[in-house]
Protein backbone atom coordinates (compact mmCIF):
# COMPACT_ATOMS: atom_id res chain seq x y z
CA MET A 1 116.83 121.56 122.35
CA ASN A 2 117.54 118.21 120.70
CA VAL A 3 114.44 116.45 119.35
CA LEU A 4 114.54 112.77 118.37
CA ILE A 5 112.05 111.19 115.96
CA CYS A 6 112.16 107.42 116.47
CA ASP A 7 110.15 105.43 113.90
CA ASP A 8 111.03 102.53 111.62
CA SER A 9 109.26 104.20 108.69
CA GLY A 10 111.28 106.82 106.83
CA PHE A 11 108.03 108.18 105.42
CA ALA A 12 106.58 108.57 108.92
CA ARG A 13 109.76 110.31 110.15
CA LYS A 14 109.65 112.78 107.30
CA GLN A 15 105.90 113.34 107.68
CA LEU A 16 106.22 114.09 111.39
CA ALA A 17 109.21 116.41 110.87
CA ARG A 18 107.22 118.39 108.33
CA ALA A 19 104.31 118.71 110.77
CA LEU A 20 106.43 120.34 113.49
CA PRO A 21 106.18 124.15 113.88
CA ALA A 22 108.41 125.90 111.33
CA ASP A 23 109.60 128.46 113.89
CA TRP A 24 110.56 125.89 116.54
CA ASP A 25 114.26 126.34 117.36
CA VAL A 26 115.36 122.72 117.74
CA THR A 27 117.87 120.29 116.25
CA LEU A 28 116.26 117.18 114.79
CA HIS A 29 117.73 113.69 115.06
CA TYR A 30 116.36 110.40 113.73
CA ALA A 31 116.33 106.71 114.70
CA ALA A 32 114.92 103.79 112.72
CA ASN A 33 114.24 101.47 115.68
CA GLY A 34 114.21 101.41 119.45
CA LEU A 35 117.85 100.36 119.86
CA GLU A 36 119.01 103.24 117.67
CA GLY A 37 116.69 105.50 119.65
CA VAL A 38 118.27 104.52 122.97
CA GLU A 39 121.73 105.09 121.46
CA GLN A 40 120.69 108.57 120.33
CA VAL A 41 119.33 109.34 123.80
CA LEU A 42 122.60 108.27 125.41
CA MET A 43 124.40 110.62 122.98
CA GLY A 44 122.27 113.50 124.28
CA HIS A 45 120.10 113.73 121.17
CA GLY A 46 116.71 113.16 122.80
CA ASP A 47 115.65 115.94 125.15
CA LEU A 48 112.23 115.35 123.59
CA ILE A 49 111.39 112.11 121.82
CA PHE A 50 108.59 111.38 119.34
CA LEU A 51 108.34 107.60 119.71
CA ASP A 52 106.61 104.98 117.56
CA LEU A 53 105.45 101.77 119.25
CA THR A 54 105.66 99.07 116.56
CA MET A 55 109.32 98.80 115.51
CA PRO A 56 111.93 96.06 114.93
CA GLU A 57 114.91 95.41 117.23
CA MET A 58 113.25 97.18 120.19
CA ASP A 59 109.70 98.51 120.20
CA GLY A 60 108.45 101.71 121.81
CA TYR A 61 107.47 99.96 125.03
CA GLY A 62 111.04 98.69 125.32
CA VAL A 63 112.41 102.21 124.87
CA LEU A 64 110.13 103.58 127.59
CA GLU A 65 111.06 100.73 129.93
CA THR A 66 114.77 101.33 129.27
CA LEU A 67 114.45 105.05 130.01
CA GLN A 68 112.61 104.22 133.23
CA GLN A 69 115.15 101.59 134.32
CA GLU A 70 118.08 103.91 133.62
CA GLY A 71 116.46 106.78 135.48
CA LEU A 72 116.49 108.99 132.38
CA ARG A 73 114.01 111.87 132.39
CA ASN A 74 113.66 112.50 128.67
CA LYS A 75 110.28 113.84 127.62
CA VAL A 76 108.41 111.40 125.36
CA PHE A 77 105.43 111.80 123.06
CA VAL A 78 104.24 108.44 121.74
CA VAL A 79 103.10 108.70 118.11
CA SER A 80 101.42 105.47 117.05
CA GLY A 81 98.79 103.85 114.88
CA ASP A 82 98.01 101.45 117.75
CA ILE A 83 95.19 103.44 119.35
CA GLN A 84 93.86 100.74 121.70
CA PRO A 85 92.92 102.11 125.14
CA GLU A 86 95.34 99.69 126.80
CA ALA A 87 98.20 100.88 124.57
CA HIS A 88 97.48 104.44 125.71
CA GLN A 89 97.36 103.38 129.36
CA ARG A 90 100.56 101.35 129.10
CA VAL A 91 102.67 104.14 127.60
CA MET A 92 101.37 106.68 130.12
CA SER A 93 102.20 104.31 132.99
CA LEU A 94 105.72 104.01 131.53
CA GLY A 95 106.24 107.76 131.73
CA ALA A 96 105.13 109.12 128.35
CA LEU A 97 103.96 112.75 128.38
CA ASP A 98 101.18 112.18 125.89
CA PHE A 99 99.84 109.94 123.14
CA ILE A 100 99.38 111.12 119.54
CA LYS A 101 97.40 109.19 116.92
CA LYS A 102 99.10 108.65 113.56
CA PRO A 103 99.34 110.49 111.24
CA ALA A 104 100.16 113.46 113.47
CA ALA A 105 98.49 116.67 112.26
CA PRO A 106 100.43 119.97 112.57
CA GLU A 107 97.67 121.55 114.68
CA THR A 108 97.69 118.55 117.06
CA LEU A 109 101.46 118.74 117.52
CA SER A 110 101.41 122.53 117.99
CA ALA A 111 98.66 122.28 120.62
CA LEU A 112 100.50 119.57 122.59
CA LEU A 113 103.83 121.40 122.44
CA ARG A 114 102.15 124.56 123.76
CA GLN A 115 100.28 122.59 126.42
CA HIS A 116 103.52 121.12 127.76
CA GLY A 117 105.41 124.42 127.52
CA LEU A 118 107.79 123.21 124.81
CA TRP A 119 106.96 125.78 122.11
CA GLN A 120 105.26 129.13 121.74
CA PRO A 121 104.12 130.60 118.41
CA ASN A 122 106.18 133.38 116.82
CA GLY A 123 109.35 132.14 118.41
CA VAL A 124 112.81 132.34 116.91
CA ALA A 125 112.93 130.73 113.49
CA ALA A 126 114.82 127.47 113.43
CA ALA A 127 117.59 126.68 111.04
CA PRO A 128 116.43 124.47 108.17
CA ALA A 129 116.32 120.86 109.33
CA LEU A 130 118.17 118.25 107.33
CA LEU A 131 115.21 115.92 106.75
CA GLU A 132 116.02 112.45 105.65
CA GLY A 133 115.64 112.21 101.89
CA LEU A 134 113.05 109.86 100.43
CA THR A 135 113.70 109.31 96.75
CA ALA A 136 111.10 107.60 94.62
CA GLY A 137 113.25 107.25 91.54
CA GLY A 138 113.80 109.55 88.59
CA PRO A 139 111.48 110.18 85.66
CA ASP A 140 112.17 106.70 84.30
CA ALA A 141 111.39 104.99 87.60
CA ASP A 142 109.14 101.97 87.31
CA ILE A 143 105.95 102.75 89.25
CA GLY A 144 104.15 99.68 87.97
CA VAL A 145 104.39 96.34 89.71
CA LYS A 146 107.85 96.82 91.23
CA LEU A 147 108.23 98.45 94.62
CA THR A 148 111.17 100.67 95.51
CA PRO A 149 112.20 100.51 99.17
CA GLU A 150 110.76 104.01 99.66
CA ILE A 151 107.35 103.11 98.22
CA ARG A 152 107.25 99.84 100.18
CA ASP A 153 107.98 101.88 103.31
CA VAL A 154 104.92 104.06 102.61
CA TYR A 155 102.70 101.00 102.07
CA GLN A 156 103.94 99.62 105.37
CA GLU A 157 103.15 102.86 107.17
CA LEU A 158 99.65 103.06 105.62
CA ALA A 159 99.05 99.49 106.76
CA ASN A 160 100.46 100.26 110.21
CA ILE A 161 97.91 103.05 110.77
CA SER A 162 95.03 101.01 109.30
CA MET A 163 95.79 97.90 111.35
CA GLY A 164 95.92 100.02 114.51
CA GLN A 165 92.40 101.29 113.86
CA ALA A 166 91.17 97.73 113.26
CA ALA A 167 92.91 96.46 116.40
CA ASP A 168 91.33 99.23 118.46
CA LEU A 169 87.84 98.11 117.41
CA LEU A 170 88.64 94.44 118.08
CA ALA A 171 90.18 95.26 121.46
CA ARG A 172 87.05 97.18 122.49
CA LEU A 173 84.82 94.32 121.30
CA LEU A 174 86.80 91.70 123.23
CA ASN A 175 87.85 93.92 126.15
CA ALA A 176 91.39 92.65 125.64
CA PHE A 177 94.74 93.84 124.27
CA VAL A 178 95.61 93.03 120.65
CA VAL A 179 99.32 92.54 119.95
CA LEU A 180 100.32 94.19 116.68
CA PRO A 181 103.14 93.14 114.33
CA ILE A 182 105.11 95.03 111.70
CA PRO A 183 103.11 94.57 108.46
CA ASN A 184 104.70 92.62 105.62
CA VAL A 185 104.38 94.15 102.13
CA ASN A 186 105.41 92.32 98.94
CA VAL A 187 104.51 91.87 95.29
CA LEU A 188 103.93 88.14 94.92
CA GLU A 189 103.45 85.74 92.04
CA VAL A 190 100.67 83.21 92.54
CA SER A 191 103.14 80.48 93.57
CA GLU A 192 104.77 82.81 96.11
CA LEU A 193 101.35 83.77 97.47
CA HIS A 194 100.55 80.11 98.03
CA MET A 195 103.82 79.73 99.92
CA ALA A 196 102.95 82.79 102.03
CA LEU A 197 99.51 81.39 102.80
CA SER A 198 101.03 78.08 103.82
CA ALA A 199 103.59 79.84 106.01
CA ALA A 200 100.81 81.85 107.67
CA ALA A 201 99.27 78.67 109.04
CA ASP A 202 100.98 77.19 112.07
CA SER A 203 97.99 74.97 112.83
CA ASP A 204 96.65 72.04 110.85
CA THR A 205 93.33 73.61 109.92
CA LEU A 206 91.98 77.10 109.31
CA SER A 207 88.70 78.82 108.67
CA ALA A 208 88.78 81.57 106.04
CA VAL A 209 86.62 84.50 104.93
CA CYS A 210 87.22 86.57 101.79
CA GLN A 211 85.70 89.99 100.96
CA GLY A 212 86.23 91.92 97.76
CA PHE A 213 86.63 95.70 97.53
CA ILE A 214 86.91 98.24 94.71
CA GLY A 215 87.31 101.99 94.29
CA ALA A 216 88.76 104.41 91.69
CA GLY A 217 91.12 102.06 89.90
CA ILE A 218 91.97 100.01 93.01
CA ALA A 219 90.52 96.54 93.56
CA GLY A 220 91.35 93.48 95.56
CA GLU A 221 90.29 91.04 98.22
CA ALA A 222 90.73 90.96 101.96
CA LEU A 223 91.34 87.47 103.29
CA ILE A 224 91.02 86.45 106.94
CA LEU A 225 92.70 83.18 107.94
CA PHE A 226 91.40 82.20 111.36
CA HIS A 227 93.29 79.59 113.37
CA ASP A 228 90.82 76.96 114.53
CA SER A 229 92.50 76.71 117.94
CA SER A 230 91.23 80.26 118.58
CA PHE A 231 87.50 79.57 118.75
CA THR A 232 87.27 78.47 122.39
CA ASP A 233 88.92 81.60 123.80
CA LEU A 234 87.18 83.84 121.27
CA ALA A 235 83.79 82.51 122.37
CA ARG A 236 84.73 83.23 125.98
CA LEU A 237 85.84 86.78 125.17
CA MET A 238 82.63 87.45 123.22
CA ASN A 239 80.52 86.01 126.05
CA HIS A 240 79.03 83.38 123.77
CA GLN A 241 76.29 81.35 125.41
CA GLY A 242 75.39 77.81 124.41
CA ALA A 243 77.17 75.08 122.49
CA LEU A 244 80.19 76.02 120.42
CA ASP A 245 79.01 74.20 117.30
CA ARG A 246 79.81 74.89 113.64
CA ASN A 247 77.12 77.58 113.32
CA ALA A 248 78.36 79.38 116.45
CA GLU A 249 81.93 79.28 115.14
CA LEU A 250 80.75 80.68 111.80
CA GLU A 251 79.07 83.57 113.61
CA LEU A 252 82.24 84.31 115.60
CA LEU A 253 84.31 84.08 112.43
CA MET A 254 82.08 86.51 110.52
CA ASP A 255 81.91 89.00 113.41
CA THR A 256 85.70 89.08 113.70
CA ALA A 257 86.19 89.34 109.94
CA ASN A 258 83.69 92.22 109.67
CA VAL A 259 85.51 94.19 112.37
CA LEU A 260 89.04 93.65 111.07
CA ILE A 261 88.36 93.93 107.34
CA GLY A 262 85.93 96.84 107.59
CA ALA A 263 88.07 98.96 109.91
CA PHE A 264 91.29 98.26 108.00
CA LEU A 265 89.77 99.17 104.62
CA ARG A 266 88.21 102.36 106.01
CA GLY A 267 91.57 103.46 107.42
CA TYR A 268 93.46 102.53 104.27
CA ALA A 269 90.94 104.19 101.93
CA SER A 270 90.94 107.35 104.02
CA GLN A 271 94.72 107.72 103.75
CA LEU A 272 94.63 107.21 99.98
CA ASP A 273 91.59 109.50 99.70
CA THR A 274 89.83 106.75 97.74
CA PRO A 275 86.58 105.34 99.17
CA PHE A 276 86.09 101.59 98.70
CA SER A 277 82.90 99.69 98.01
CA GLN A 278 82.92 96.31 99.73
CA GLY A 279 81.31 93.14 98.47
CA HIS A 280 79.60 90.52 100.59
CA PRO A 281 81.95 88.38 102.70
CA VAL A 282 82.34 84.83 101.43
CA VAL A 283 83.28 81.87 103.61
CA LEU A 284 86.04 79.98 101.79
CA GLY A 285 85.99 77.11 104.23
CA GLN A 286 85.76 76.04 107.85
CA HIS A 287 88.21 73.70 109.57
CA ARG A 288 90.09 72.94 106.37
CA PRO A 289 93.78 72.39 105.67
CA ILE A 290 95.43 75.42 104.12
CA LYS A 291 96.33 73.37 101.01
CA ASP A 292 92.64 72.71 100.37
CA LEU A 293 91.84 76.42 100.70
CA ILE A 294 94.59 77.27 98.22
CA ASN A 295 93.60 74.61 95.69
CA THR A 296 89.92 75.54 95.86
CA ASN A 297 90.60 79.25 95.35
CA LYS A 298 93.80 79.31 93.29
CA SER A 299 92.01 80.83 90.28
CA ARG A 300 91.12 83.89 92.40
CA TRP A 301 94.68 85.00 93.06
CA ARG A 302 97.33 85.77 90.46
CA ARG A 303 100.15 88.31 90.67
CA THR A 304 99.28 90.60 93.55
CA LEU A 305 100.46 93.19 96.02
CA ALA A 306 100.03 91.48 99.37
CA ILE A 307 99.92 93.15 102.78
CA GLU A 308 100.06 90.59 105.60
CA ILE A 309 99.17 91.32 109.22
CA ASN A 310 99.01 88.84 112.08
CA TYR A 311 96.66 89.78 114.91
CA ARG A 312 97.10 88.08 118.28
CA VAL A 313 95.14 88.65 121.50
CA GLN A 314 97.43 88.90 124.50
CA ASP A 315 96.99 86.15 127.14
CA TYR A 316 94.50 84.25 124.96
CA ALA A 317 94.88 81.61 122.25
CA VAL A 318 93.29 83.87 119.64
CA GLN A 319 95.19 84.44 116.41
CA CYS A 320 94.28 85.32 112.84
CA ASP A 321 96.03 86.55 109.70
CA LEU A 322 94.67 89.39 107.57
CA LEU A 323 95.89 89.44 103.97
CA LEU A 324 95.10 92.36 101.68
CA LEU A 325 95.51 91.18 98.09
CA PHE A 326 95.49 93.99 95.53
CA THR A 327 95.17 93.22 91.82
CA GLU A 328 98.18 93.78 89.60
CA ASP A 329 96.38 96.64 87.81
CA SER A 330 95.82 98.39 91.16
CA ILE A 331 99.51 98.66 91.99
CA ALA A 332 100.28 101.38 89.42
CA THR A 333 97.27 103.44 90.60
CA MET A 334 98.31 103.20 94.26
CA ASN A 335 101.96 103.88 93.45
CA ASN A 336 100.96 107.06 91.63
CA LYS A 337 99.03 108.20 94.71
CA ILE A 338 102.01 107.38 96.89
CA MET A 339 104.35 109.35 94.62
CA HIS A 340 102.22 112.42 95.33
CA MET A 341 102.41 111.70 99.06
CA LEU A 342 106.21 111.47 98.85
């Protein structure tokens, strides 16, 4: 049987391949996005597909829709960090066999493969699979502030899983579907960070909340940039009663920030096996131009590892940006942890 692992993260592909039963007699194939995945399927390389949802070129929903439109009967397990109930319902309605939460544990995969009659223990041993190599540099590799493509890929996958957990909580709070992007990961100088913050704002004014965190050599700040045009729909989704004044908007802002920041940091810390202590959230400003927010707080942010995620609620004018800003000293600590994961 030909098994296709379709995920834009090389780290995630390798991690899932390692979690498959060692005695499963299959040939593994790989695709880095949905378009490549469809090509592999058309080449006969996808009797069973392990499919990510959040990918460039074509996402997992697009792959499922293409299989359905073409009348292809490939078996599909969706493996995703987007664990919202609606995401689960959507993929099942598009013909997926099952939904697996990232990262996929070996016992979870074994149980599902047995359940669907695709593998039995003590079967014929498979030939060694040619897993895609992930090099993290030789002994002289710089694991300080620079990011190799492989290490950046791991950061992106850690963020992907964490943002999915945060989106799930927000979706349940709002009873709506949260559209998830591919996270952006970069080491930025302070001037580049200011450019990124400016680019994050497509409205004239924003409201912002910042919350510090620290744990075992890792420290930073989580920054929520909330688009002011979002408050009306957000109040409706949260069943807010009464006037939508400045105090009501502050309450909505803090509730949303607590959900997104808290859930993301819990998911991220769990994957790094490093618990974080969180400080009190601080309102940086309400209804202020992004330039004012930057100028007021420019002393807070220097060289940093920045993870940027844009959350958007489907069918509503609700949008916010979550920025995780790790101190320069934290990068070497996290890179060392990631080297062990690789």
